[in-house]
């Protein structure tokens, strides 16, 4: 049986790779180095559409409501929801600085600071989900419900980011990895 947490965990791998790329990019920005605006826009779109709308959308709209049925999960889920909100603030900070970005500008510094905050937040957030939340979901959700959640995840992905976008984002990850990590 394919579990919904496996889907989310696989997406975490892509997000963690993006965080490594962002770590390099933010260092270059902090030192006044030029980063392609196209690359910055791809990072921002990946964060907004893949990490937030698609990945966090699956969690907030599909998985979390099922886990909220058990009051023992409320504290952890509310903490994770708060972290999603904080992550959106960092993403907005990156997006808002892009139109006026130039190397060494205040906007470049603002982008770098928002990236650093997002990296720190999401690194601990993903660890919490992988090590605390997902084992709870795997144990407590009946197999038939898990299969239904996987189907709902697929529908959300198709409806929210569209056919082929998932693959396009993975292509961007590969492109950016080659540019900044290899």
N, C-alpha and C. Protein backbone atom coordinates (compact mmCIF):
# COMPACT_ATOMS: atom_id res chain seq x y z
N UNK A 1 0.85 -1.20 0.00
CA UNK A 1 0.00 0.00 0.00
C UNK A 1 0.88 1.25 0.00
N UNK A 2 0.57 2.17 -0.87
CA UNK A 2 1.29 3.44 -0.94
C UNK A 2 0.69 4.39 0.08
N UNK A 3 1.49 4.89 0.99
CA UNK A 3 0.99 5.74 2.08
C UNK A 3 1.10 7.22 1.72
N UNK A 4 0.15 8.02 2.22
CA UNK A 4 0.23 9.46 1.96
C UNK A 4 1.50 10.07 2.53
N UNK A 5 1.99 9.53 3.64
CA UNK A 5 3.22 10.08 4.23
C UNK A 5 4.43 9.82 3.33
N UNK A 6 4.39 8.76 2.53
CA UNK A 6 5.49 8.48 1.58
C UNK A 6 5.53 9.58 0.52
N UNK A 7 4.35 9.96 0.03
CA UNK A 7 4.26 11.05 -0.96
C UNK A 7 4.84 12.34 -0.38
N UNK A 8 4.43 12.67 0.84
CA UNK A 8 4.90 13.90 1.49
C UNK A 8 6.40 13.83 1.78
N UNK A 9 6.86 12.67 2.20
CA UNK A 9 8.28 12.48 2.49
C UNK A 9 9.13 12.63 1.23
N UNK A 10 8.63 12.09 0.10
CA UNK A 10 9.33 12.26 -1.17
C UNK A 10 9.41 13.74 -1.54
N UNK A 11 8.32 14.47 -1.33
CA UNK A 11 8.34 15.91 -1.60
C UNK A 11 9.31 16.63 -0.68
N UNK A 12 9.42 16.17 0.57
CA UNK A 12 10.41 16.76 1.48
C UNK A 12 11.81 16.67 0.91
N UNK A 13 12.13 15.58 0.23
CA UNK A 13 13.47 15.42 -0.36
C UNK A 13 13.75 16.53 -1.37
N UNK A 14 12.77 16.84 -2.21
CA UNK A 14 12.93 17.93 -3.17
C UNK A 14 13.05 19.28 -2.50
N UNK A 15 12.26 19.49 -1.47
CA UNK A 15 12.30 20.76 -0.74
C UNK A 15 13.66 20.91 -0.04
N UNK A 16 14.17 19.83 0.56
CA UNK A 16 15.47 19.90 1.23
C UNK A 16 16.60 20.20 0.23
N UNK A 17 16.49 19.66 -0.98
CA UNK A 17 17.47 20.00 -2.01
C UNK A 17 17.39 21.49 -2.33
N UNK A 18 16.17 22.01 -2.45
CA UNK A 18 16.02 23.45 -2.72
C UNK A 18 16.61 24.27 -1.58
N UNK A 19 16.47 23.82 -0.34
CA UNK A 19 17.04 24.55 0.80
C UNK A 19 18.56 24.61 0.69
N UNK A 20 19.20 23.52 0.22
CA UNK A 20 20.66 23.53 0.03
C UNK A 20 21.05 24.53 -1.05
N UNK A 21 20.26 24.55 -2.13
CA UNK A 21 20.52 25.50 -3.22
C UNK A 21 20.37 26.93 -2.68
N UNK A 22 19.30 27.16 -1.93
CA UNK A 22 19.05 28.50 -1.37
C UNK A 22 20.16 28.92 -0.42
N UNK A 23 20.75 27.98 0.30
CA UNK A 23 21.84 28.30 1.20
C UNK A 23 23.00 28.90 0.41
N UNK A 24 23.36 28.28 -0.72
CA UNK A 24 24.43 28.80 -1.58
C UNK A 24 24.05 30.16 -2.17
N UNK A 25 22.82 30.24 -2.68
CA UNK A 25 22.35 31.47 -3.32
C UNK A 25 22.36 32.62 -2.31
N UNK A 26 21.88 32.36 -1.10
CA UNK A 26 21.82 33.44 -0.10
C UNK A 26 23.21 33.92 0.29
N UNK A 27 24.18 32.99 0.34
CA UNK A 27 25.57 33.39 0.62
C UNK A 27 26.10 34.31 -0.47
N UNK A 28 25.84 33.95 -1.71
CA UNK A 28 26.29 34.79 -2.83
C UNK A 28 25.62 36.16 -2.78
N UNK A 29 24.33 36.18 -2.49
CA UNK A 29 23.61 37.45 -2.39
C UNK A 29 24.19 38.33 -1.27
N UNK A 30 24.49 37.71 -0.14
CA UNK A 30 25.03 38.47 0.99
C UNK A 30 26.40 39.08 0.67
N UNK A 31 27.11 38.44 -0.26
CA UNK A 31 28.44 38.95 -0.63
C UNK A 31 28.41 39.79 -1.90
N UNK A 32 27.20 40.23 -2.31
CA UNK A 32 27.08 41.14 -3.44
C UNK A 32 27.26 40.50 -4.80
N UNK A 33 27.31 39.17 -4.85
CA UNK A 33 27.47 38.47 -6.12
C UNK A 33 26.15 38.49 -6.89
N UNK A 34 26.26 38.46 -8.20
CA UNK A 34 25.06 38.47 -9.03
C UNK A 34 24.47 37.06 -9.13
N UNK A 35 23.18 36.98 -8.93
CA UNK A 35 22.42 35.75 -9.13
C UNK A 35 21.43 36.05 -10.24
N UNK A 36 21.33 35.13 -11.18
CA UNK A 36 20.38 35.29 -12.28
C UNK A 36 18.98 35.53 -11.72
N UNK A 37 18.33 36.57 -12.25
CA UNK A 37 16.96 36.86 -11.81
C UNK A 37 16.04 35.69 -12.16
N UNK A 38 16.32 35.03 -13.27
CA UNK A 38 15.55 33.84 -13.66
C UNK A 38 15.66 32.76 -12.58
N UNK A 39 16.86 32.56 -12.05
CA UNK A 39 17.04 31.57 -10.99
C UNK A 39 16.28 31.97 -9.73
N UNK A 40 16.35 33.24 -9.37
CA UNK A 40 15.62 33.71 -8.19
C UNK A 40 14.11 33.54 -8.37
N UNK A 41 13.63 33.82 -9.57
CA UNK A 41 12.20 33.66 -9.84
C UNK A 41 11.78 32.19 -9.79
N UNK A 42 12.65 31.29 -10.27
CA UNK A 42 12.35 29.86 -10.19
C UNK A 42 12.31 29.39 -8.74
N UNK A 43 13.25 29.86 -7.94
CA UNK A 43 13.25 29.50 -6.51
C UNK A 43 11.95 29.98 -5.87
N UNK A 44 11.60 31.24 -6.12
CA UNK A 44 10.39 31.81 -5.52
C UNK A 44 9.14 31.06 -5.96
N UNK A 45 9.05 30.73 -7.25
CA UNK A 45 7.86 30.00 -7.72
C UNK A 45 7.81 28.60 -7.13
N UNK A 46 8.96 27.93 -7.06
CA UNK A 46 9.01 26.60 -6.45
C UNK A 46 8.49 26.64 -5.03
N UNK A 47 8.96 27.62 -4.26
CA UNK A 47 8.54 27.74 -2.86
C UNK A 47 7.04 28.00 -2.76
N UNK A 48 6.56 28.93 -3.58
CA UNK A 48 5.15 29.31 -3.50
C UNK A 48 4.23 28.19 -3.98
N UNK A 49 4.52 27.64 -5.15
CA UNK A 49 3.60 26.68 -5.74
C UNK A 49 3.84 25.25 -5.29
N UNK A 50 5.09 24.80 -5.32
CA UNK A 50 5.35 23.41 -4.96
C UNK A 50 5.34 23.21 -3.44
N UNK A 51 6.21 23.95 -2.74
CA UNK A 51 6.33 23.73 -1.29
C UNK A 51 5.08 24.17 -0.54
N UNK A 52 4.54 25.33 -0.88
CA UNK A 52 3.41 25.84 -0.10
C UNK A 52 2.06 25.38 -0.62
N UNK A 53 1.70 25.79 -1.84
CA UNK A 53 0.34 25.48 -2.31
C UNK A 53 0.12 23.98 -2.49
N UNK A 54 1.08 23.27 -3.04
CA UNK A 54 0.89 21.84 -3.29
C UNK A 54 1.19 21.02 -2.03
N UNK A 55 2.43 21.07 -1.55
CA UNK A 55 2.83 20.23 -0.42
C UNK A 55 2.07 20.61 0.86
N UNK A 56 2.15 21.87 1.25
CA UNK A 56 1.44 22.28 2.47
C UNK A 56 -0.07 22.22 2.27
N UNK A 57 -0.53 22.39 1.03
CA UNK A 57 -1.95 22.24 0.73
C UNK A 57 -2.44 20.82 1.01
N UNK A 58 -1.63 19.84 0.66
CA UNK A 58 -1.97 18.44 0.95
C UNK A 58 -2.06 18.22 2.46
N UNK A 59 -1.11 18.80 3.17
CA UNK A 59 -1.10 18.63 4.62
C UNK A 59 -2.30 19.33 5.27
N UNK A 60 -2.44 20.63 4.96
CA UNK A 60 -3.47 21.43 5.64
C UNK A 60 -4.89 21.05 5.23
N UNK A 61 -5.09 20.73 3.95
CA UNK A 61 -6.44 20.49 3.48
C UNK A 61 -6.89 19.04 3.54
N UNK A 62 -5.91 18.12 3.64
CA UNK A 62 -6.27 16.70 3.54
C UNK A 62 -5.78 15.90 4.76
N UNK A 63 -4.48 15.90 5.03
CA UNK A 63 -3.95 15.07 6.12
C UNK A 63 -4.27 15.61 7.51
N UNK A 64 -3.98 16.89 7.74
CA UNK A 64 -4.15 17.44 9.09
C UNK A 64 -5.58 17.33 9.61
N UNK A 65 -6.62 17.60 8.77
CA UNK A 65 -7.98 17.47 9.29
C UNK A 65 -8.29 16.05 9.81
N UNK A 66 -7.73 15.05 9.16
CA UNK A 66 -7.94 13.67 9.64
C UNK A 66 -7.25 13.45 10.98
N UNK A 67 -6.04 14.00 11.12
CA UNK A 67 -5.28 13.81 12.36
C UNK A 67 -5.81 14.68 13.49
N UNK A 68 -6.49 15.79 13.15
CA UNK A 68 -7.09 16.68 14.16
C UNK A 68 -8.24 16.00 14.91
N UNK A 69 -8.76 14.91 14.35
CA UNK A 69 -9.86 14.20 15.00
C UNK A 69 -9.44 13.61 16.33
N UNK A 70 -8.13 13.45 16.53
CA UNK A 70 -7.59 12.97 17.80
C UNK A 70 -6.99 14.16 18.56
N UNK A 71 -7.61 14.53 19.69
CA UNK A 71 -7.11 15.70 20.44
C UNK A 71 -5.64 15.59 20.85
N UNK A 72 -5.12 14.38 20.94
CA UNK A 72 -3.71 14.21 21.32
C UNK A 72 -2.77 14.81 20.27
N UNK A 73 -3.26 15.02 19.05
CA UNK A 73 -2.43 15.56 17.96
C UNK A 73 -2.52 17.08 17.83
N UNK A 74 -3.43 17.71 18.56
CA UNK A 74 -3.70 19.14 18.35
C UNK A 74 -2.48 20.02 18.54
N UNK A 75 -1.72 19.81 19.59
CA UNK A 75 -0.57 20.70 19.86
C UNK A 75 0.44 20.64 18.72
N UNK A 76 0.81 19.43 18.30
CA UNK A 76 1.79 19.29 17.22
C UNK A 76 1.25 19.89 15.92
N UNK A 77 0.00 19.61 15.58
CA UNK A 77 -0.57 20.13 14.33
C UNK A 77 -0.68 21.65 14.34
N UNK A 78 -1.06 22.22 15.47
CA UNK A 78 -1.14 23.69 15.55
C UNK A 78 0.24 24.32 15.41
N UNK A 79 1.23 23.67 15.97
CA UNK A 79 2.62 24.15 15.85
C UNK A 79 3.05 24.12 14.37
N UNK A 80 2.74 23.02 13.68
CA UNK A 80 3.10 22.88 12.27
C UNK A 80 2.36 23.90 11.41
N UNK A 81 1.09 24.13 11.71
CA UNK A 81 0.32 25.13 10.96
C UNK A 81 0.91 26.53 11.14
N UNK A 82 1.34 26.84 12.35
CA UNK A 82 2.00 28.13 12.61
C UNK A 82 3.28 28.28 11.81
N UNK A 83 4.02 27.18 11.70
CA UNK A 83 5.26 27.21 10.91
C UNK A 83 4.96 27.39 9.42
N UNK A 84 3.86 26.79 8.95
CA UNK A 84 3.48 27.02 7.54
C UNK A 84 3.22 28.51 7.31
N UNK A 85 2.53 29.15 8.25
CA UNK A 85 2.22 30.58 8.12
C UNK A 85 3.51 31.41 8.11
N UNK A 86 4.42 31.10 8.99
CA UNK A 86 5.70 31.81 9.03
C UNK A 86 6.47 31.61 7.73
N UNK A 87 6.43 30.40 7.20
CA UNK A 87 7.08 30.11 5.92
C UNK A 87 6.51 30.97 4.80
N UNK A 88 5.19 31.14 4.81
CA UNK A 88 4.55 32.00 3.79
C UNK A 88 5.04 33.44 3.90
N UNK A 89 5.29 33.90 5.11
CA UNK A 89 5.81 35.26 5.30
C UNK A 89 7.20 35.39 4.68
N UNK A 90 8.05 34.38 4.86
CA UNK A 90 9.39 34.41 4.25
C UNK A 90 9.28 34.38 2.73
N UNK A 91 8.39 33.52 2.19
CA UNK A 91 8.22 33.44 0.74
C UNK A 91 7.74 34.79 0.19
N UNK A 92 6.81 35.42 0.89
CA UNK A 92 6.31 36.74 0.47
C UNK A 92 7.45 37.75 0.48
N UNK A 93 8.31 37.69 1.48
CA UNK A 93 9.46 38.60 1.54
C UNK A 93 10.39 38.44 0.35
N UNK A 94 10.60 37.20 -0.08
CA UNK A 94 11.43 36.94 -1.26
C UNK A 94 10.74 37.50 -2.51
N UNK A 95 9.47 37.14 -2.68
CA UNK A 95 8.69 37.59 -3.85
C UNK A 95 8.65 39.11 -3.96
N UNK A 96 8.39 39.77 -2.83
CA UNK A 96 8.23 41.22 -2.84
C UNK A 96 9.52 41.95 -3.21
N UNK A 97 10.67 41.32 -2.97
CA UNK A 97 11.95 41.96 -3.28
C UNK A 97 12.44 41.70 -4.70
N UNK A 98 11.86 40.74 -5.38
CA UNK A 98 12.34 40.37 -6.72
C UNK A 98 12.24 41.48 -7.76
N UNK A 99 11.14 42.22 -7.85
CA UNK A 99 11.04 43.22 -8.93
C UNK A 99 12.16 44.26 -8.92
N UNK A 100 12.66 44.62 -7.75
CA UNK A 100 13.70 45.66 -7.66
C UNK A 100 15.09 45.09 -7.41
N UNK A 101 15.23 43.76 -7.53
CA UNK A 101 16.51 43.12 -7.23
C UNK A 101 17.62 43.57 -8.19
N UNK A 102 18.77 43.85 -7.61
CA UNK A 102 20.02 43.98 -8.35
C UNK A 102 21.13 43.59 -7.38
N UNK A 103 22.28 43.10 -7.87
CA UNK A 103 23.35 42.66 -6.98
C UNK A 103 23.78 43.77 -6.02
N UNK A 104 23.91 43.42 -4.74
CA UNK A 104 24.37 44.37 -3.73
C UNK A 104 23.32 45.34 -3.25
N UNK A 105 22.12 45.26 -3.79
CA UNK A 105 21.05 46.18 -3.40
C UNK A 105 20.43 45.77 -2.07
N UNK A 106 19.67 46.69 -1.43
CA UNK A 106 18.93 46.31 -0.22
C UNK A 106 17.99 45.13 -0.48
N UNK A 107 17.43 45.06 -1.70
CA UNK A 107 16.53 43.94 -2.03
C UNK A 107 17.28 42.61 -2.02
N UNK A 108 18.53 42.62 -2.50
CA UNK A 108 19.34 41.40 -2.48
C UNK A 108 19.55 40.93 -1.05
N UNK A 109 19.83 41.88 -0.16
CA UNK A 109 20.00 41.55 1.26
C UNK A 109 18.69 41.03 1.84
N UNK A 110 17.59 41.65 1.48
CA UNK A 110 16.28 41.23 1.97
C UNK A 110 15.95 39.81 1.49
N UNK A 111 16.24 39.51 0.24
CA UNK A 111 16.02 38.16 -0.29
C UNK A 111 16.87 37.16 0.50
N UNK A 112 18.14 37.49 0.70
CA UNK A 112 19.05 36.59 1.43
C UNK A 112 18.55 36.34 2.85
N UNK A 113 18.12 37.40 3.54
CA UNK A 113 17.64 37.24 4.92
C UNK A 113 16.38 36.37 4.97
N UNK A 114 15.48 36.57 4.03
CA UNK A 114 14.27 35.75 4.00
C UNK A 114 14.60 34.30 3.65
N UNK A 115 15.56 34.10 2.77
CA UNK A 115 15.99 32.73 2.46
C UNK A 115 16.58 32.06 3.69
N UNK A 116 17.43 32.78 4.41
CA UNK A 116 18.06 32.20 5.61
C UNK A 116 17.00 31.81 6.64
N UNK A 117 16.01 32.68 6.84
CA UNK A 117 14.94 32.37 7.79
C UNK A 117 14.14 31.17 7.35
N UNK A 118 13.83 31.11 6.05
CA UNK A 118 13.05 29.99 5.51
C UNK A 118 13.82 28.68 5.65
N UNK A 119 15.12 28.70 5.35
CA UNK A 119 15.96 27.50 5.45
C UNK A 119 15.93 26.97 6.88
N UNK A 120 16.17 27.85 7.86
CA UNK A 120 16.18 27.42 9.26
C UNK A 120 14.82 26.85 9.67
N UNK A 121 13.76 27.56 9.31
CA UNK A 121 12.40 27.13 9.67
C UNK A 121 12.07 25.77 9.06
N UNK A 122 12.26 25.65 7.73
CA UNK A 122 11.83 24.43 7.04
C UNK A 122 12.70 23.23 7.39
N UNK A 123 13.96 23.45 7.70
CA UNK A 123 14.83 22.33 8.08
C UNK A 123 14.29 21.66 9.34
N UNK A 124 13.98 22.44 10.36
CA UNK A 124 13.45 21.85 11.61
C UNK A 124 12.01 21.37 11.42
N UNK A 125 11.24 22.08 10.59
CA UNK A 125 9.84 21.72 10.32
C UNK A 125 9.76 20.33 9.66
N UNK A 126 10.58 20.11 8.65
CA UNK A 126 10.58 18.83 7.94
C UNK A 126 11.01 17.71 8.87
N UNK A 127 12.01 17.97 9.69
CA UNK A 127 12.47 16.96 10.65
C UNK A 127 11.33 16.58 11.60
N UNK A 128 10.59 17.57 12.05
CA UNK A 128 9.45 17.33 12.96
C UNK A 128 8.37 16.50 12.27
N UNK A 129 8.06 16.83 11.02
CA UNK A 129 7.04 16.07 10.31
C UNK A 129 7.51 14.63 10.05
N UNK A 130 8.75 14.49 9.56
CA UNK A 130 9.25 13.15 9.25
C UNK A 130 9.35 12.26 10.49
N UNK A 131 9.79 12.82 11.61
CA UNK A 131 10.07 12.01 12.80
C UNK A 131 8.94 11.94 13.82
N UNK A 132 8.03 12.90 13.80
CA UNK A 132 6.93 12.88 14.76
C UNK A 132 5.58 12.66 14.09
N UNK A 133 5.25 13.54 13.13
CA UNK A 133 3.91 13.51 12.54
C UNK A 133 3.65 12.28 11.68
N UNK A 134 4.57 11.97 10.78
CA UNK A 134 4.33 10.88 9.84
C UNK A 134 4.19 9.52 10.54
N UNK A 135 5.01 9.22 11.57
CA UNK A 135 4.77 7.95 12.28
C UNK A 135 3.38 7.89 12.94
N UNK A 136 2.91 9.03 13.45
CA UNK A 136 1.56 9.07 14.05
C UNK A 136 0.53 8.76 12.96
N UNK A 137 0.66 9.39 11.81
CA UNK A 137 -0.29 9.17 10.71
C UNK A 137 -0.25 7.72 10.24
N UNK A 138 0.96 7.18 10.08
CA UNK A 138 1.08 5.79 9.61
C UNK A 138 0.43 4.81 10.58
N UNK A 139 0.57 5.07 11.87
CA UNK A 139 0.00 4.18 12.90
C UNK A 139 -1.51 4.34 13.05
N UNK A 140 -1.98 5.58 12.99
CA UNK A 140 -3.36 5.84 13.42
C UNK A 140 -4.40 5.85 12.30
N UNK A 141 -4.00 6.08 11.06
CA UNK A 141 -4.97 6.15 9.98
C UNK A 141 -5.17 4.77 9.36
N UNK A 142 -6.42 4.32 9.26
CA UNK A 142 -6.69 3.00 8.68
C UNK A 142 -6.24 2.94 7.21
N UNK A 143 -5.83 1.76 6.74
CA UNK A 143 -5.34 1.60 5.37
C UNK A 143 -6.29 2.15 4.30
N UNK A 144 -7.58 1.91 4.44
CA UNK A 144 -8.54 2.40 3.43
C UNK A 144 -8.52 3.93 3.38
N UNK A 145 -8.43 4.57 4.53
CA UNK A 145 -8.38 6.04 4.58
C UNK A 145 -7.07 6.53 3.97
N UNK A 146 -5.97 5.84 4.25
CA UNK A 146 -4.68 6.24 3.67
C UNK A 146 -4.74 6.20 2.14
N UNK A 147 -5.36 5.16 1.60
CA UNK A 147 -5.49 5.06 0.13
C UNK A 147 -6.34 6.21 -0.41
N UNK A 148 -7.41 6.55 0.30
CA UNK A 148 -8.25 7.68 -0.11
C UNK A 148 -7.47 8.99 -0.09
N UNK A 149 -6.63 9.17 0.94
CA UNK A 149 -5.83 10.39 1.05
C UNK A 149 -4.85 10.50 -0.12
N UNK A 150 -4.24 9.39 -0.51
CA UNK A 150 -3.32 9.40 -1.65
C UNK A 150 -4.06 9.87 -2.90
N UNK A 151 -5.27 9.37 -3.13
CA UNK A 151 -6.06 9.78 -4.29
C UNK A 151 -6.40 11.27 -4.21
N UNK A 152 -6.72 11.75 -3.03
CA UNK A 152 -7.04 13.17 -2.86
C UNK A 152 -5.78 14.02 -3.07
N UNK A 153 -4.62 13.52 -2.65
CA UNK A 153 -3.36 14.22 -2.90
C UNK A 153 -3.15 14.40 -4.41
N UNK A 154 -3.37 13.31 -5.16
CA UNK A 154 -3.16 13.36 -6.61
C UNK A 154 -4.11 14.36 -7.26
N UNK A 155 -5.35 14.40 -6.80
CA UNK A 155 -6.32 15.35 -7.35
C UNK A 155 -5.90 16.79 -7.03
N UNK A 156 -5.46 17.04 -5.80
CA UNK A 156 -5.02 18.39 -5.41
C UNK A 156 -3.83 18.81 -6.28
N UNK A 157 -2.89 17.91 -6.45
CA UNK A 157 -1.71 18.24 -7.25
C UNK A 157 -2.11 18.61 -8.68
N UNK A 158 -2.99 17.84 -9.27
CA UNK A 158 -3.45 18.07 -10.64
C UNK A 158 -4.21 19.40 -10.72
N UNK A 159 -5.09 19.66 -9.73
CA UNK A 159 -5.93 20.85 -9.75
C UNK A 159 -5.20 22.12 -9.36
N UNK A 160 -4.24 22.02 -8.45
CA UNK A 160 -3.58 23.21 -7.91
C UNK A 160 -2.37 23.63 -8.74
N UNK A 161 -1.49 22.68 -9.05
CA UNK A 161 -0.30 23.10 -9.82
C UNK A 161 -0.37 22.69 -11.27
N UNK A 162 -1.25 21.74 -11.62
CA UNK A 162 -1.46 21.39 -13.02
C UNK A 162 -0.63 20.23 -13.51
N UNK A 163 -1.08 19.65 -14.59
CA UNK A 163 -0.40 18.51 -15.21
C UNK A 163 1.02 18.91 -15.64
N UNK A 164 1.97 18.06 -15.31
CA UNK A 164 3.34 18.25 -15.77
C UNK A 164 4.17 19.24 -14.95
N UNK A 165 3.54 20.02 -14.06
CA UNK A 165 4.29 21.03 -13.29
C UNK A 165 5.26 20.37 -12.31
N UNK A 166 4.82 19.28 -11.70
CA UNK A 166 5.67 18.55 -10.74
C UNK A 166 6.99 18.20 -11.42
N UNK A 167 6.91 17.66 -12.64
CA UNK A 167 8.10 17.28 -13.39
C UNK A 167 8.93 18.51 -13.75
N UNK A 168 8.25 19.61 -14.12
CA UNK A 168 8.96 20.85 -14.45
C UNK A 168 9.75 21.34 -13.24
N UNK A 169 9.14 21.29 -12.05
CA UNK A 169 9.83 21.74 -10.85
C UNK A 169 11.04 20.86 -10.54
N UNK A 170 10.92 19.57 -10.80
CA UNK A 170 12.08 18.69 -10.60
C UNK A 170 13.18 19.00 -11.60
N UNK A 171 12.80 19.41 -12.80
CA UNK A 171 13.78 19.87 -13.79
C UNK A 171 14.50 21.12 -13.29
N UNK A 172 13.76 22.03 -12.70
CA UNK A 172 14.37 23.24 -12.13
C UNK A 172 15.34 22.88 -11.02
N UNK A 173 14.95 21.94 -10.17
CA UNK A 173 15.84 21.51 -9.09
C UNK A 173 17.16 21.01 -9.68
N UNK A 174 17.08 20.22 -10.72
CA UNK A 174 18.28 19.69 -11.36
C UNK A 174 19.14 20.84 -11.94
N UNK A 175 18.49 21.76 -12.64
CA UNK A 175 19.19 22.91 -13.22
C UNK A 175 19.89 23.74 -12.14
N UNK A 176 19.16 24.05 -11.07
CA UNK A 176 19.71 24.89 -10.00
C UNK A 176 20.79 24.14 -9.21
N UNK A 177 20.62 22.84 -9.05
CA UNK A 177 21.64 22.03 -8.36
C UNK A 177 22.95 22.10 -9.15
N UNK A 178 22.86 21.94 -10.47
CA UNK A 178 24.06 22.01 -11.30
C UNK A 178 24.71 23.40 -11.22
N UNK A 179 23.89 24.44 -11.16
CA UNK A 179 24.42 25.80 -11.13
C UNK A 179 25.07 26.15 -9.79
N UNK A 180 24.54 25.61 -8.68
CA UNK A 180 25.01 26.09 -7.37
C UNK A 180 25.65 25.03 -6.47
N UNK A 181 25.41 23.75 -6.75
CA UNK A 181 25.94 22.73 -5.84
C UNK A 181 26.98 21.83 -6.46
N UNK A 182 26.99 21.68 -7.77
CA UNK A 182 27.96 20.76 -8.40
C UNK A 182 29.27 21.42 -8.70
